[in-house]
Amino acid sequence: MKFKHLFLILVAVVATTSCIDNIHPAGSKKENEKTAEVSEDFKLWTWMTADASRTDESYTEEFKKYAANGLDAVLINTNADADLLARMTPLATAEGLEVHAWMFTMNRPGDSIAMKHPEWYVVNRNGESSFEKRPYVDYYQFLCPTRKESREHVLSLVDKMSKVEGITSFHLDYIRYPDVYLPIGLLPKYDLVQDTELPEFDFCYCDACIAKFEEEHHKNPLESHNTAIDMEWKQFRLNQIKAVVDEAYEVAHKNGKLLTGAVFPYPEMADHMVRQRWDKWNIDVVLPMIYHNFYNEEIDWIGFATGQGVKDLEGTDTELHTGIYVPEMSPEDLEKAIQLAKDNGAKGAAFFDGNALTDAQLAVIKAAN
């Protein structure tokens, strides 16, 4: 499995150079050759959420099922519980699966430490904090990527989780702002029309963000004639998310792990919808969530979005593995989606989520190897 090989390469480079910055020098021909060498196989992943009350035996049974049906890796959400992750990891690796520590990153609903600091949370253009007034759903409680204390808290969790023995990567999720625009297929659920950037969904206007932006650009975005076309203000927020990712990359690599992440379908779309320009990040692998039905698109859109992301990543060392939403997907559609990902340059496919996979879908995944 290619990431086991890549992990060995990382360890070897760290051991010989003692400098994490040398692992992925930009534009390095030698490093590009390594990436090509370890990327021959098409990798198959699934996301899953852990429950501490479950027995080891039940998890072993689940991991056996995944491995028997061709899955190579599991992305496990333990709600940042390193002890639970440490308990589950050897159970999964014993069945031949890679383990990736999946964590909600900027969105930290119910975080016991963050909840003691209301000032850490993002604020919308109306001056409303997601600490109290949460956009869309009750579990949207995003932390500000600019504020020093909230960033340090997030990075401390990255450090803790990426130190768990046996995992392959730390996996970023919700590494963004709340949705400026929801996927079009979800708008009826919230009885919304989003033809413009609505102030209640436009973040972050907290004191820390305003002060830093004023220091850099000598103007206040709240006084802008139209914030939607203020490119410096938009770029500022893209840069704040990038800075968190780049620091997480350093932390994960310091601990001998890769950095992976779940992102929106392709960079231009992610930029528009959630201030997330992931082709500019320091990250080893991205898993764009190309959930075609969320956008009222047909199956072939999976190929388009995959290909767009692959093109945007040209010249980087970042791999793209297509994220596929399996509920209500027929085995025939799943087979087509996997093939579209392959044909458009993806190095693998990830399925959301493990519990939703039917026997018929697992048979398709097994045949995809």
Protein backbone atom coordinates (compact mmCIF):
# COMPACT_ATOMS: atom_id res chain seq x y z
CA MET A 1 0.00 0.00 0.00
CA LYS A 2 1.51 3.24 -1.16
CA PHE A 3 1.18 5.37 1.98
CA LYS A 4 3.03 2.79 4.05
CA HIS A 5 5.84 3.15 1.53
CA LEU A 6 5.59 6.93 1.64
CA PHE A 7 5.67 6.87 5.43
CA LEU A 8 8.93 4.90 5.30
CA ILE A 9 10.33 7.47 2.90
CA LEU A 10 9.35 10.25 5.30
CA VAL A 11 11.00 8.52 8.23
CA ALA A 12 14.16 7.93 6.22
CA VAL A 13 14.36 11.55 5.11
CA VAL A 14 13.81 12.84 8.66
CA ALA A 15 16.47 10.49 9.99
CA THR A 16 19.08 11.55 7.44
CA THR A 17 18.40 15.26 7.29
CA SER A 18 16.84 16.08 10.68
CA CYS A 19 15.01 18.85 8.85
CA ILE A 20 11.31 18.49 8.12
CA ASP A 21 11.42 21.28 5.53
CA ASN A 22 13.46 19.06 3.24
CA ILE A 23 10.75 16.41 2.94
CA HIS A 24 8.79 18.10 0.15
CA PRO A 25 10.93 20.87 -1.39
CA ALA A 26 8.84 22.68 -3.96
CA GLY A 27 9.57 21.67 -7.53
CA SER A 28 12.01 18.94 -6.49
CA LYS A 29 12.46 16.44 -9.32
CA LYS A 30 13.75 13.83 -6.90
CA GLU A 31 10.70 14.19 -4.68
CA ASN A 32 8.37 14.06 -7.70
CA GLU A 33 9.97 10.79 -8.72
CA LYS A 34 9.32 9.40 -5.23
CA THR A 35 5.67 10.42 -5.41
CA ALA A 36 5.27 8.72 -8.77
CA GLU A 37 6.94 5.60 -7.46
CA VAL A 38 4.55 5.20 -4.52
CA SER A 39 1.38 6.21 -6.39
CA GLU A 40 0.94 3.29 -8.77
CA ASP A 41 -1.92 1.62 -6.88
CA PHE A 42 -5.42 3.08 -6.73
CA LYS A 43 -6.16 3.55 -3.04
CA LEU A 44 -9.58 2.92 -1.48
CA TRP A 45 -10.64 4.62 1.77
CA THR A 46 -13.68 5.02 3.97
CA TRP A 47 -14.62 7.52 6.69
CA MET A 48 -16.02 6.19 9.97
CA THR A 49 -17.00 7.62 13.37
CA ALA A 50 -15.87 5.91 16.57
CA ASP A 51 -17.95 5.10 19.62
CA ALA A 52 -16.05 4.40 22.84
CA SER A 53 -18.86 2.18 24.10
CA ARG A 54 -18.34 -0.35 21.33
CA THR A 55 -16.25 -3.45 22.02
CA ASP A 56 -12.92 -4.22 20.42
CA GLU A 57 -14.49 -7.33 18.95
CA SER A 58 -17.14 -5.31 17.12
CA TYR A 59 -14.49 -3.02 15.65
CA THR A 60 -12.34 -5.97 14.60
CA GLU A 61 -15.34 -7.42 12.78
CA GLU A 62 -15.92 -4.10 11.00
CA PHE A 63 -12.27 -3.77 10.01
CA LYS A 64 -12.21 -7.35 8.72
CA LYS A 65 -15.20 -6.53 6.51
CA TYR A 66 -13.47 -3.49 5.06
CA ALA A 67 -10.22 -5.31 4.40
CA ALA A 68 -11.98 -8.32 2.86
CA ASN A 69 -13.72 -5.99 0.41
CA GLY A 70 -10.64 -4.23 -0.84
CA LEU A 71 -10.51 -1.13 1.33
CA ASP A 72 -7.00 0.03 2.14
CA ALA A 73 -7.55 2.76 4.73
CA VAL A 74 -9.95 4.04 7.38
CA LEU A 75 -10.34 7.67 8.41
CA ILE A 76 -11.49 7.51 12.02
CA ASN A 77 -13.27 10.36 13.81
CA THR A 78 -12.82 10.00 17.58
CA ASN A 79 -13.81 13.61 18.35
CA ALA A 80 -10.14 14.33 19.09
CA ASP A 81 -9.94 11.51 21.66
CA ALA A 82 -6.34 10.31 21.31
CA ASP A 83 -6.86 7.44 23.77
CA LEU A 84 -9.76 6.04 21.75
CA LEU A 85 -7.73 6.40 18.57
CA ALA A 86 -4.81 4.58 20.20
CA ARG A 87 -7.17 1.78 21.20
CA MET A 88 -8.64 1.38 17.70
CA THR A 89 -5.49 1.79 15.62
CA PRO A 90 -3.89 -1.61 16.34
CA LEU A 91 -7.25 -3.30 15.72
CA ALA A 92 -7.37 -1.80 12.23
CA THR A 93 -3.70 -2.23 11.37
CA ALA A 94 -3.89 -5.88 12.43
CA GLU A 95 -6.33 -6.36 9.55
CA GLY A 96 -3.98 -4.63 7.11
CA LEU A 97 -5.70 -1.25 7.10
CA GLU A 98 -4.05 2.14 7.34
CA VAL A 99 -5.46 4.45 10.00
CA HIS A 100 -5.88 8.21 9.52
CA ALA A 101 -6.87 10.44 12.43
CA TRP A 102 -9.91 12.35 11.16
CA MET A 103 -10.79 15.50 13.14
CA PHE A 104 -13.17 18.44 12.81
CA THR A 105 -10.59 21.22 12.70
CA MET A 106 -11.95 24.79 12.60
CA ASN A 107 -15.47 23.60 13.34
CA ARG A 108 -15.26 22.48 16.98
CA PRO A 109 -18.82 21.88 18.22
CA GLY A 110 -18.96 21.36 21.97
CA ASP A 111 -15.19 21.65 22.40
CA SER A 112 -14.85 21.78 26.21
CA ILE A 113 -11.77 24.00 26.14
CA ALA A 114 -12.89 26.36 23.38
CA MET A 115 -16.33 26.81 24.95
CA LYS A 116 -14.65 28.58 27.86
CA HIS A 117 -13.47 31.27 25.45
CA PRO A 118 -16.36 32.81 23.50
CA GLU A 119 -13.98 35.29 21.89
CA TRP A 120 -12.30 32.44 19.94
CA TYR A 121 -15.25 31.95 17.60
CA VAL A 122 -15.86 33.42 14.15
CA VAL A 123 -18.13 36.45 13.83
CA ASN A 124 -20.31 37.25 10.83
CA ARG A 125 -20.79 40.56 9.06
CA ASN A 126 -23.81 41.27 11.29
CA GLY A 127 -21.57 41.00 14.37
CA GLU A 128 -23.03 37.62 15.45
CA SER A 129 -20.68 34.97 16.86
CA SER A 130 -21.01 31.27 16.00
CA PHE A 131 -20.46 30.65 19.70
CA GLU A 132 -24.11 31.59 20.25
CA LYS A 133 -25.78 32.07 16.85
CA ARG A 134 -24.79 29.09 14.74
CA PRO A 135 -25.34 29.27 10.97
CA TYR A 136 -27.43 26.57 9.30
CA VAL A 137 -27.16 23.82 11.94
CA ASP A 138 -26.53 23.56 15.67
CA TYR A 139 -23.16 21.85 15.25
CA TYR A 140 -21.63 24.76 13.30
CA GLN A 141 -19.32 26.33 15.89
CA PHE A 142 -16.28 27.54 13.99
CA LEU A 143 -13.15 28.89 15.60
CA CYS A 144 -11.33 31.90 14.20
CA PRO A 145 -8.15 30.93 12.29
CA THR A 146 -6.61 34.37 12.87
CA ARG A 147 -6.83 34.62 16.65
CA LYS A 148 -3.60 33.32 18.23
CA GLU A 149 -5.25 31.42 21.09
CA SER A 150 -7.77 29.56 18.92
CA ARG A 151 -5.09 28.61 16.37
CA GLU A 152 -2.82 27.32 19.11
CA HIS A 153 -5.66 25.24 20.52
CA VAL A 154 -6.36 23.64 17.14
CA LEU A 155 -2.68 22.95 16.53
CA SER A 156 -2.32 21.41 19.98
CA LEU A 157 -5.01 18.90 19.00
CA VAL A 158 -3.19 18.18 15.74
CA ASP A 159 -0.03 17.55 17.75
CA LYS A 160 -1.76 15.25 20.22
CA MET A 161 -3.57 13.19 17.61
CA SER A 162 -0.61 12.91 15.23
CA LYS A 163 1.53 11.44 18.02
CA VAL A 164 -0.68 8.34 18.25
CA GLU A 165 1.47 5.36 17.34
CA GLY A 166 0.55 3.47 14.21
CA ILE A 167 -1.51 6.09 12.36
CA THR A 168 -0.48 7.15 8.86
CA SER A 169 -1.80 10.71 8.76
CA PHE A 170 -3.65 13.44 10.54
CA HIS A 171 -6.78 14.20 8.51
CA LEU A 172 -8.19 17.74 8.49
CA ASP A 173 -11.93 18.21 8.08
CA TYR A 174 -13.89 21.48 8.27
CA ILE A 175 -10.64 23.29 7.58
CA ARG A 176 -12.48 26.39 6.39
CA TYR A 177 -15.04 29.03 7.31
CA PRO A 178 -18.81 28.37 7.48
CA ASP A 179 -20.42 28.12 4.05
CA VAL A 180 -20.82 31.47 2.35
CA TYR A 181 -22.88 29.52 -0.17
CA LEU A 182 -24.47 26.16 0.53
CA PRO A 183 -24.42 23.46 -2.14
CA ILE A 184 -27.41 24.21 -4.34
CA GLY A 185 -29.03 20.87 -3.61
CA LEU A 186 -29.20 21.71 0.11
CA LEU A 187 -30.79 25.15 -0.17
CA PRO A 188 -34.42 23.92 -0.14
CA LYS A 189 -33.76 22.14 3.15
CA TYR A 190 -33.06 25.52 4.75
CA ASP A 191 -35.60 27.48 2.70
CA LEU A 192 -32.82 29.75 1.47
CA VAL A 193 -31.97 31.70 -1.65
CA GLN A 194 -28.27 32.62 -1.85
CA ASP A 195 -27.79 34.77 -4.93
CA THR A 196 -25.38 37.08 -3.07
CA GLU A 197 -23.07 36.86 -0.06
CA LEU A 198 -25.53 37.24 2.79
CA PRO A 199 -24.10 38.93 5.91
CA GLU A 200 -25.31 36.23 8.31
CA PHE A 201 -23.18 33.64 6.47
CA ASP A 202 -20.13 35.81 5.76
CA PHE A 203 -17.34 35.25 8.34
CA CYS A 204 -14.97 36.33 10.04
CA TYR A 205 -15.32 39.90 11.27
CA CYS A 206 -14.05 39.42 14.81
CA ASP A 207 -11.81 42.00 16.45
CA ALA A 208 -8.65 39.97 15.76
CA CYS A 209 -9.41 39.67 12.03
CA ILE A 210 -10.34 43.32 11.63
CA ALA A 211 -7.22 44.48 13.48
CA LYS A 212 -4.85 42.28 11.49
CA PHE A 213 -6.43 43.22 8.17
CA GLU A 214 -6.26 46.93 9.02
CA GLU A 215 -2.61 46.54 9.94
CA GLU A 216 -1.84 44.89 6.59
CA HIS A 217 -4.14 46.85 4.26
CA HIS A 218 -4.95 50.08 6.13
CA LYS A 219 -8.72 49.76 5.74
CA ASN A 220 -11.64 48.23 7.59
CA PRO A 221 -13.65 45.61 5.65
CA LEU A 222 -16.80 46.67 7.52
CA GLU A 223 -16.52 49.99 5.69
CA SER A 224 -16.18 48.35 2.29
CA HIS A 225 -18.73 49.30 -0.36
CA ASN A 226 -19.07 45.62 -1.33
CA THR A 227 -17.11 43.01 0.61
CA ALA A 228 -17.93 40.35 -2.01
CA ILE A 229 -15.65 42.08 -4.54
CA ASP A 230 -13.00 43.25 -2.07
CA MET A 231 -10.22 40.91 -3.23
CA GLU A 232 -7.78 41.84 -0.46
CA TRP A 233 -10.37 40.95 2.17
CA LYS A 234 -11.18 37.67 0.46
CA GLN A 235 -7.51 36.79 0.05
CA PHE A 236 -6.83 37.66 3.67
CA ARG A 237 -9.27 34.98 4.81
CA LEU A 238 -7.92 32.42 2.35
CA ASN A 239 -4.48 33.11 3.79
CA GLN A 240 -5.64 32.61 7.38
CA ILE A 241 -6.89 29.10 6.60
CA LYS A 242 -3.75 28.32 4.60
CA ALA A 243 -1.61 29.39 7.56
CA VAL A 244 -3.36 26.89 9.86
CA VAL A 245 -2.91 24.10 7.30
CA ASP A 246 0.75 24.93 6.74
CA GLU A 247 1.42 24.88 10.48
CA ALA A 248 -0.48 21.61 10.84
CA TYR A 249 1.70 20.19 8.06
CA GLU A 250 4.81 21.05 10.05
CA VAL A 251 3.36 19.54 13.23
CA ALA A 252 2.27 16.30 11.55
CA HIS A 253 5.59 15.87 9.76
CA LYS A 254 7.50 16.59 12.95
CA ASN A 255 5.62 13.65 14.47
CA GLY A 256 6.44 11.43 11.49
CA LYS A 257 2.95 11.52 9.99
CA LEU A 258 1.44 12.75 6.74
CA LEU A 259 -1.16 15.50 6.52
CA THR A 260 -4.37 14.76 4.61
CA GLY A 261 -7.63 16.66 4.36
CA ALA A 262 -11.28 16.58 3.27
CA VAL A 263 -11.98 19.59 1.07
CA PHE A 264 -14.66 21.04 -1.21
CA PRO A 265 -14.88 19.67 -4.78
CA TYR A 266 -12.22 21.73 -6.60
CA PRO A 267 -10.18 24.78 -5.61
CA GLU A 268 -12.09 27.52 -7.45
CA MET A 269 -15.38 26.21 -6.11
CA ALA A 270 -13.97 25.84 -2.59
CA ASP A 271 -12.64 29.40 -2.77
CA HIS A 272 -16.10 30.70 -3.72
CA MET A 273 -18.13 28.68 -1.24
CA VAL A 274 -16.05 28.43 1.96
CA ARG A 275 -12.82 30.51 1.55
CA GLN A 276 -10.73 27.38 0.97
CA ARG A 277 -8.04 27.45 -1.73
CA TRP A 278 -6.56 24.00 -1.18
CA ASP A 279 -4.26 23.87 -4.21
CA LYS A 280 -2.09 26.46 -2.44
CA TRP A 281 -1.67 24.45 0.76
CA ASN A 282 1.24 22.45 2.13
CA ILE A 283 -0.54 19.09 2.37
CA ASP A 284 0.26 15.55 1.26
CA VAL A 285 -3.15 14.32 0.15
CA VAL A 286 -6.53 15.98 -0.45
CA LEU A 287 -9.83 14.11 -0.55
CA PRO A 288 -12.26 16.50 -2.29
CA MET A 289 -15.83 15.66 -1.34
CA ILE A 290 -17.26 15.43 -4.85
CA TYR A 291 -20.78 14.70 -3.68
CA HIS A 292 -22.58 15.22 -6.97
CA ASN A 293 -26.11 14.95 -5.58
CA PHE A 294 -25.46 17.85 -3.16
CA TYR A 295 -25.03 20.06 -6.24
CA ASN A 296 -27.85 18.59 -8.35
CA GLU A 297 -25.23 17.22 -10.71
CA GLU A 298 -25.07 13.93 -12.63
CA ILE A 299 -22.48 11.21 -12.08
CA ASP A 300 -20.18 12.51 -14.82
CA TRP A 301 -19.59 15.67 -12.73
CA ILE A 302 -17.39 13.50 -10.49
CA GLY A 303 -15.02 13.15 -13.41
CA PHE A 304 -15.09 16.88 -14.17
CA ALA A 305 -14.41 17.96 -10.58
CA THR A 306 -11.70 15.32 -10.15
CA GLY A 307 -9.96 16.42 -13.33
CA GLN A 308 -10.19 20.10 -12.38
CA GLY A 309 -8.58 19.44 -9.02
CA VAL A 310 -5.83 17.31 -10.55
CA LYS A 311 -5.01 20.09 -13.02
CA ASP A 312 -4.92 22.69 -10.25
CA LEU A 313 -2.45 20.54 -8.31
CA GLU A 314 0.00 20.20 -11.21
CA GLY A 315 3.51 21.15 -10.13
CA THR A 316 2.85 20.25 -6.48
CA ASP A 317 3.55 17.06 -4.51
CA THR A 318 -0.07 16.81 -3.34
CA GLU A 319 -2.10 13.76 -4.34
CA LEU A 320 -5.84 13.87 -5.01
CA HIS A 321 -8.17 11.04 -4.00
CA THR A 322 -11.84 11.51 -4.95
CA GLY A 323 -14.44 11.56 -2.16
CA ILE A 324 -17.71 9.84 -3.10
CA TYR A 325 -21.04 10.03 -1.24
CA VAL A 326 -22.53 6.52 -1.36
CA PRO A 327 -26.03 6.77 0.20
CA GLU A 328 -28.71 6.25 -2.46
CA MET A 329 -26.03 5.41 -5.04
CA SER A 330 -26.65 2.23 -7.02
CA PRO A 331 -23.82 -0.27 -7.46
CA GLU A 332 -23.74 0.65 -11.16
CA ASP A 333 -23.37 4.35 -10.37
CA LEU A 334 -20.69 3.63 -7.80
CA GLU A 335 -18.74 1.59 -10.32
CA LYS A 336 -19.00 4.44 -12.82
CA ALA A 337 -17.95 7.01 -10.20
CA ILE A 338 -14.80 5.05 -9.31
CA GLN A 339 -13.90 4.70 -12.98
CA LEU A 340 -14.46 8.42 -13.57
CA ALA A 341 -12.10 9.19 -10.68
CA LYS A 342 -9.46 6.89 -12.18
CA ASP A 343 -9.88 8.23 -15.70
CA ASN A 344 -9.45 11.84 -14.54
CA GLY A 345 -6.24 11.36 -12.60
CA ALA A 346 -7.25 10.58 -9.01
CA LYS A 347 -4.86 8.36 -7.08
CA GLY A 348 -7.71 6.80 -5.10
CA ALA A 349 -11.31 7.07 -3.95
CA ALA A 350 -12.83 7.53 -0.49
CA PHE A 351 -16.38 6.58 0.44
CA PHE A 352 -18.67 8.35 2.90
CA ASP A 353 -19.22 6.54 5.02
CA GLY A 354 -18.33 3.02 6.14
CA ASN A 355 -21.62 2.31 7.88
CA ALA A 356 -23.57 3.27 4.75
CA LEU A 357 -21.79 0.81 2.46
CA THR A 358 -24.11 -1.99 1.34
CA ASP A 359 -22.98 -5.48 0.44
CA ALA A 360 -23.58 -4.69 -3.23
CA GLN A 361 -21.49 -1.52 -3.00
CA LEU A 362 -18.71 -3.35 -1.17
CA ALA A 363 -18.64 -5.88 -4.01
CA VAL A 364 -18.07 -3.01 -6.46
CA ILE A 365 -15.27 -1.62 -4.29
CA LYS A 366 -13.63 -5.04 -4.08
CA ALA A 367 -13.73 -5.37 -7.86
CA ALA A 368 -12.14 -1.93 -8.27
CA ASN A 369 -8.76 -3.14 -6.98
